Amino acid sequence: MAGMTEPDPRVDPPMAVDETATLTAFLDYHRATLALKCEGLTDDQLRLRSVPPSALSLLGLVRHMAEVERYWFQGILLGEEFDTGRYWTKADPDGDFGNVDTADVAADFAVWRAEIEAARRACAGLPLDTVGKRPRRGREVTLRWILAHMVEEYARHNGHADLLRESVDGATGE
């Protein structure tokens, strides 16, 4: 990213591998992109909101993606049940984005990284046609669909992260 001194740590997805390797490589690339967008910022900078009345912040995106990783891999793929999220409740469904002002940034990043590792363990060795143990809105969901959706989810939010980062310190990049 322009304005940053460290080399880009991301690994480009390989171009001639099987479908599983392609999907997981793109997902890892986008996970690394979100981390890169947050790199080198202070806790207060990570909490900065976009444009009022939006609650969008880089820390909120990290917290949201921790929730998304947990939901799709632990909840849908493995069938784990939970009544509340790491950051949201039924009374506060947008807590992942909204409650960042006093959040523990290091702890939130650790949760996100732990959810990524749990997601990797959840799908390790499973065929892409594996159907999740819990349906989504009454429909079966395959690991293939979950991985493709996660790439889309990260890609969309990385666009938000790019704009947020530029507004914080002017850094730009892929």
C-alpha atoms as a PDB file:
ATOM      1  CA  MET A   1       0.000   0.000   0.000  1.00  0.00           C
ATOM      2  CA  ALA A   2       1.316   3.435  -0.885  1.00  0.00           C
ATOM      3  CA  GLY A   3       2.490   5.236   2.212  1.00  0.00           C
ATOM      4  CA  MET A   4       3.486   2.039   4.034  1.00  0.00           C
ATOM      5  CA  THR A   5       7.083   0.951   4.424  1.00  0.00           C
ATOM      6  CA  GLU A   6       6.671  -2.801   4.946  1.00  0.00           C
ATOM      7  CA  PRO A   7       6.642  -5.197   1.961  1.00  0.00           C
ATOM      8  CA  ASP A   8       3.304  -6.728   1.032  1.00  0.00           C
ATOM      9  CA  PRO A   9       3.030  -9.981   3.045  1.00  0.00           C
ATOM     10  CA  ARG A  10       0.204 -11.457   0.982  1.00  0.00           C
ATOM     11  CA  VAL A  11       0.725 -14.501  -1.202  1.00  0.00           C
ATOM     12  CA  ASP A  12      -0.879 -14.368  -4.641  1.00  0.00           C
ATOM     13  CA  PRO A  13      -3.263 -17.276  -5.208  1.00  0.00           C
ATOM     14  CA  PRO A  14      -1.758 -19.905  -7.526  1.00  0.00           C
ATOM     15  CA  MET A  15      -3.160 -20.022 -11.050  1.00  0.00           C
ATOM     16  CA  ALA A  16      -2.995 -23.740 -11.849  1.00  0.00           C
ATOM     17  CA  VAL A  17      -4.270 -25.736  -8.859  1.00  0.00           C
ATOM     18  CA  ASP A  18      -7.440 -27.616  -8.012  1.00  0.00           C
ATOM     19  CA  GLU A  19     -10.684 -25.979  -6.933  1.00  0.00           C
ATOM     20  CA  THR A  20     -10.138 -26.424  -3.192  1.00  0.00           C
ATOM     21  CA  ALA A  21      -6.682 -24.895  -3.314  1.00  0.00           C
ATOM     22  CA  THR A  22      -7.980 -22.033  -5.465  1.00  0.00           C
ATOM     23  CA  LEU A  23     -10.859 -21.176  -3.134  1.00  0.00           C
ATOM     24  CA  THR A  24      -8.803 -21.414   0.038  1.00  0.00           C
ATOM     25  CA  ALA A  25      -5.935 -19.412  -1.467  1.00  0.00           C
ATOM     26  CA  PHE A  26      -8.268 -16.601  -2.510  1.00  0.00           C
ATOM     27  CA  LEU A  27      -9.900 -16.625   0.917  1.00  0.00           C
ATOM     28  CA  ASP A  28      -6.512 -16.451   2.637  1.00  0.00           C
ATOM     29  CA  TYR A  29      -5.465 -13.646   0.301  1.00  0.00           C
ATOM     30  CA  HIS A  30      -8.514 -11.613   1.253  1.00  0.00           C
ATOM     31  CA  ARG A  31      -8.036 -12.342   4.961  1.00  0.00           C
ATOM     32  CA  ALA A  32      -4.471 -11.061   4.621  1.00  0.00           C
ATOM     33  CA  THR A  33      -5.746  -8.012   2.746  1.00  0.00           C
ATOM     34  CA  LEU A  34      -7.968  -6.984   5.654  1.00  0.00           C
ATOM     35  CA  ALA A  35      -5.042  -7.426   8.053  1.00  0.00           C
ATOM     36  CA  LEU A  36      -2.852  -5.316   5.761  1.00  0.00           C
ATOM     37  CA  LYS A  37      -5.454  -2.524   5.639  1.00  0.00           C
ATOM     38  CA  CYS A  38      -5.312  -2.370   9.450  1.00  0.00           C
ATOM     39  CA  GLU A  39      -1.553  -2.700   9.833  1.00  0.00           C
ATOM     40  CA  GLY A  40       0.372   0.087  11.517  1.00  0.00           C
ATOM     41  CA  LEU A  41      -2.630   2.007  12.821  1.00  0.00           C
ATOM     42  CA  THR A  42      -3.284   2.995  16.403  1.00  0.00           C
ATOM     43  CA  ASP A  43      -6.272   1.668  18.313  1.00  0.00           C
ATOM     44  CA  ASP A  44      -7.991   5.033  17.930  1.00  0.00           C
ATOM     45  CA  GLN A  45      -7.376   5.060  14.173  1.00  0.00           C
ATOM     46  CA  LEU A  46      -8.851   1.557  13.866  1.00  0.00           C
ATOM     47  CA  ARG A  47     -11.963   2.810  15.678  1.00  0.00           C
ATOM     48  CA  LEU A  48     -12.494   5.832  13.387  1.00  0.00           C
ATOM     49  CA  ARG A  49     -15.934   5.802  11.753  1.00  0.00           C
ATOM     50  CA  SER A  50     -16.507   6.409   8.068  1.00  0.00           C
ATOM     51  CA  VAL A  51     -19.245   8.921   7.306  1.00  0.00           C
ATOM     52  CA  PRO A  52     -22.036   9.631   9.804  1.00  0.00           C
ATOM     53  CA  PRO A  53     -24.446   8.041  10.462  1.00  0.00           C
ATOM     54  CA  SER A  54     -22.506   4.913   9.442  1.00  0.00           C
ATOM     55  CA  ALA A  55     -20.852   2.936  12.245  1.00  0.00           C
ATOM     56  CA  LEU A  56     -18.333   1.455   9.791  1.00  0.00           C
ATOM     57  CA  SER A  57     -14.730   1.323  11.025  1.00  0.00           C
ATOM     58  CA  LEU A  58     -11.734  -0.898  10.374  1.00  0.00           C
ATOM     59  CA  LEU A  59     -12.079  -2.446  13.822  1.00  0.00           C
ATOM     60  CA  GLY A  60     -15.778  -3.006  13.170  1.00  0.00           C
ATOM     61  CA  LEU A  61     -14.904  -4.835   9.954  1.00  0.00           C
ATOM     62  CA  VAL A  62     -12.464  -7.101  11.810  1.00  0.00           C
ATOM     63  CA  ARG A  63     -15.083  -7.839  14.469  1.00  0.00           C
ATOM     64  CA  HIS A  64     -17.731  -8.453  11.799  1.00  0.00           C
ATOM     65  CA  MET A  65     -15.495 -10.848   9.892  1.00  0.00           C
ATOM     66  CA  ALA A  66     -14.793 -12.763  13.112  1.00  0.00           C
ATOM     67  CA  GLU A  67     -18.565 -13.181  13.442  1.00  0.00           C
ATOM     68  CA  VAL A  68     -18.903 -14.200   9.791  1.00  0.00           C
ATOM     69  CA  GLU A  69     -16.093 -16.782  10.053  1.00  0.00           C
ATOM     70  CA  ARG A  70     -17.761 -18.257  13.141  1.00  0.00           C
ATOM     71  CA  TYR A  71     -21.246 -18.269  11.641  1.00  0.00           C
ATOM     72  CA  TRP A  72     -20.389 -20.016   8.367  1.00  0.00           C
ATOM     73  CA  PHE A  73     -17.767 -22.484   9.505  1.00  0.00           C
ATOM     74  CA  GLN A  74     -18.765 -23.293  13.078  1.00  0.00           C
ATOM     75  CA  GLY A  75     -22.497 -22.660  12.749  1.00  0.00           C
ATOM     76  CA  ILE A  76     -23.472 -23.739   9.264  1.00  0.00           C
ATOM     77  CA  LEU A  77     -20.719 -26.196   8.322  1.00  0.00           C
ATOM     78  CA  LEU A  78     -20.275 -27.868  11.726  1.00  0.00           C
ATOM     79  CA  GLY A  79     -23.781 -27.230  13.066  1.00  0.00           C
ATOM     80  CA  GLU A  80     -22.813 -25.412  16.267  1.00  0.00           C
ATOM     81  CA  GLU A  81     -25.696 -23.520  17.852  1.00  0.00           C
ATOM     82  CA  PHE A  82     -25.267 -20.108  19.463  1.00  0.00           C
ATOM     83  CA  ASP A  83     -27.834 -17.578  20.670  1.00  0.00           C
ATOM     84  CA  THR A  84     -25.463 -14.652  20.648  1.00  0.00           C
ATOM     85  CA  GLY A  85     -22.360 -13.622  18.802  1.00  0.00           C
ATOM     86  CA  ARG A  86     -18.961 -12.591  20.013  1.00  0.00           C
ATOM     87  CA  TYR A  87     -19.987  -8.939  19.647  1.00  0.00           C
ATOM     88  CA  TRP A  88     -23.728  -8.871  18.961  1.00  0.00           C
ATOM     89  CA  THR A  89     -26.825  -9.862  20.838  1.00  0.00           C
ATOM     90  CA  LYS A  90     -30.461 -10.077  19.806  1.00  0.00           C
ATOM     91  CA  ALA A  91     -30.954  -6.715  21.523  1.00  0.00           C
ATOM     92  CA  ASP A  92     -27.904  -5.251  19.728  1.00  0.00           C
ATOM     93  CA  PRO A  93     -27.585  -7.046  16.359  1.00  0.00           C
ATOM     94  CA  ASP A  94     -25.017  -4.543  15.036  1.00  0.00           C
ATOM     95  CA  GLY A  95     -22.731  -4.697  18.064  1.00  0.00           C
ATOM     96  CA  ASP A  96     -19.826  -5.899  15.928  1.00  0.00           C
ATOM     97  CA  PHE A  97     -19.818  -2.556  14.116  1.00  0.00           C
ATOM     98  CA  GLY A  98     -21.363  -0.304  16.728  1.00  0.00           C
ATOM     99  CA  ASN A  99     -19.533  -1.098  19.950  1.00  0.00           C
ATOM    100  CA  VAL A 100     -15.938  -0.289  19.044  1.00  0.00           C
ATOM    101  CA  ASP A 101     -15.363   2.911  21.021  1.00  0.00           C
ATOM    102  CA  THR A 102     -14.085   1.114  24.128  1.00  0.00           C
ATOM    103  CA  ALA A 103     -13.308  -2.251  22.556  1.00  0.00           C
ATOM    104  CA  ASP A 104     -10.069  -4.043  23.313  1.00  0.00           C
ATOM    105  CA  VAL A 105      -8.406  -3.901  19.899  1.00  0.00           C
ATOM    106  CA  ALA A 106      -5.750  -6.535  20.589  1.00  0.00           C
ATOM    107  CA  ALA A 107      -8.357  -8.929  21.980  1.00  0.00           C
ATOM    108  CA  ASP A 108     -10.655  -8.355  18.985  1.00  0.00           C
ATOM    109  CA  PHE A 109      -7.845  -9.082  16.520  1.00  0.00           C
ATOM    110  CA  ALA A 110      -6.985 -12.218  18.516  1.00  0.00           C
ATOM    111  CA  VAL A 111     -10.619 -13.360  18.298  1.00  0.00           C
ATOM    112  CA  TRP A 112     -10.619 -12.774  14.533  1.00  0.00           C
ATOM    113  CA  ARG A 113      -7.399 -14.754  14.086  1.00  0.00           C
ATOM    114  CA  ALA A 114      -8.737 -17.558  16.290  1.00  0.00           C
ATOM    115  CA  GLU A 115     -11.944 -17.742  14.225  1.00  0.00           C
ATOM    116  CA  ILE A 116      -9.861 -17.977  11.046  1.00  0.00           C
ATOM    117  CA  GLU A 117      -7.873 -20.866  12.519  1.00  0.00           C
ATOM    118  CA  ALA A 118     -11.075 -22.564  13.694  1.00  0.00           C
ATOM    119  CA  ALA A 119     -12.497 -22.163  10.172  1.00  0.00           C
ATOM    120  CA  ARG A 120      -9.393 -23.743   8.653  1.00  0.00           C
ATOM    121  CA  ARG A 121      -9.670 -26.687  11.033  1.00  0.00           C
ATOM    122  CA  ALA A 122     -13.407 -27.033  10.333  1.00  0.00           C
ATOM    123  CA  CYS A 123     -12.951 -27.536   6.606  1.00  0.00           C
ATOM    124  CA  ALA A 124      -9.548 -29.235   6.535  1.00  0.00           C
ATOM    125  CA  GLY A 125      -9.723 -32.343   4.410  1.00  0.00           C
ATOM    126  CA  LEU A 126     -13.438 -32.042   3.665  1.00  0.00           C
ATOM    127  CA  PRO A 127     -14.608 -32.424   0.067  1.00  0.00           C
ATOM    128  CA  LEU A 128     -16.133 -29.293  -1.425  1.00  0.00           C
ATOM    129  CA  ASP A 129     -19.447 -31.127  -1.807  1.00  0.00           C
ATOM    130  CA  THR A 130     -19.699 -31.569   1.972  1.00  0.00           C
ATOM    131  CA  VAL A 131     -23.095 -30.311   3.099  1.00  0.00           C
ATOM    132  CA  GLY A 132     -23.223 -28.247   6.260  1.00  0.00           C
ATOM    133  CA  LYS A 133     -24.826 -29.786   9.313  1.00  0.00           C
ATOM    134  CA  ARG A 134     -27.203 -26.855   9.688  1.00  0.00           C
ATOM    135  CA  PRO A 135     -29.242 -25.524   6.771  1.00  0.00           C
ATOM    136  CA  ARG A 136     -29.344 -21.820   5.977  1.00  0.00           C
ATOM    137  CA  ARG A 137     -32.924 -20.562   5.650  1.00  0.00           C
ATOM    138  CA  GLY A 138     -34.094 -24.128   5.102  1.00  0.00           C
ATOM    139  CA  ARG A 139     -31.604 -24.843   2.319  1.00  0.00           C
ATOM    140  CA  GLU A 140     -28.552 -27.074   2.300  1.00  0.00           C
ATOM    141  CA  VAL A 141     -25.206 -25.334   1.933  1.00  0.00           C
ATOM    142  CA  THR A 142     -22.002 -26.948   0.647  1.00  0.00           C
ATOM    143  CA  LEU A 143     -18.461 -26.143   1.698  1.00  0.00           C
ATOM    144  CA  ARG A 144     -17.868 -24.988  -1.881  1.00  0.00           C
ATOM    145  CA  TRP A 145     -20.613 -22.368  -1.521  1.00  0.00           C
ATOM    146  CA  ILE A 146     -19.347 -21.280   1.909  1.00  0.00           C
ATOM    147  CA  LEU A 147     -15.807 -20.753   0.606  1.00  0.00           C
ATOM    148  CA  ALA A 148     -17.031 -18.834  -2.458  1.00  0.00           C
ATOM    149  CA  HIS A 149     -19.296 -16.722  -0.254  1.00  0.00           C
ATOM    150  CA  MET A 150     -16.453 -15.971   2.165  1.00  0.00           C
ATOM    151  CA  VAL A 151     -14.256 -14.761  -0.706  1.00  0.00           C
ATOM    152  CA  GLU A 152     -17.106 -12.467  -1.771  1.00  0.00           C
ATOM    153  CA  GLU A 153     -17.713 -11.273   1.801  1.00  0.00           C
ATOM    154  CA  TYR A 154     -14.069 -10.372   2.358  1.00  0.00           C
ATOM    155  CA  ALA A 155     -13.685  -8.799  -1.088  1.00  0.00           C
ATOM    156  CA  ARG A 156     -16.690  -6.537  -0.516  1.00  0.00           C
ATOM    157  CA  HIS A 157     -15.551  -5.485   2.935  1.00  0.00           C
ATOM    158  CA  ASN A 158     -11.956  -5.018   1.776  1.00  0.00           C
ATOM    159  CA  GLY A 159     -13.312  -2.348  -0.573  1.00  0.00           C
ATOM    160  CA  HIS A 160     -14.752  -0.629   2.478  1.00  0.00           C
ATOM    161  CA  ALA A 161     -11.457  -1.131   4.319  1.00  0.00           C
ATOM    162  CA  ASP A 162      -9.534   0.458   1.457  1.00  0.00           C
ATOM    163  CA  LEU A 163     -11.627   3.623   1.674  1.00  0.00           C
ATOM    164  CA  LEU A 164     -11.469   3.682   5.464  1.00  0.00           C
ATOM    165  CA  ARG A 165      -7.686   3.298   5.458  1.00  0.00           C
ATOM    166  CA  GLU A 166      -7.241   6.049   2.900  1.00  0.00           C
ATOM    167  CA  SER A 167      -9.372   8.390   5.017  1.00  0.00           C
ATOM    168  CA  VAL A 168      -7.266   7.629   8.111  1.00  0.00           C
ATOM    169  CA  ASP A 169      -3.761   8.217   6.757  1.00  0.00           C
ATOM    170  CA  GLY A 170      -3.902   8.417   2.970  1.00  0.00           C
ATOM    171  CA  ALA A 171      -2.482   4.917   2.414  1.00  0.00           C
ATOM    172  CA  THR A 172      -3.849   3.244  -0.702  1.00  0.00           C
ATOM    173  CA  GLY A 173      -3.316  -0.037  -2.472  1.00  0.00           C
ATOM    174  CA  GLU A 174      -4.778  -3.349  -3.472  1.00  0.00           C
END
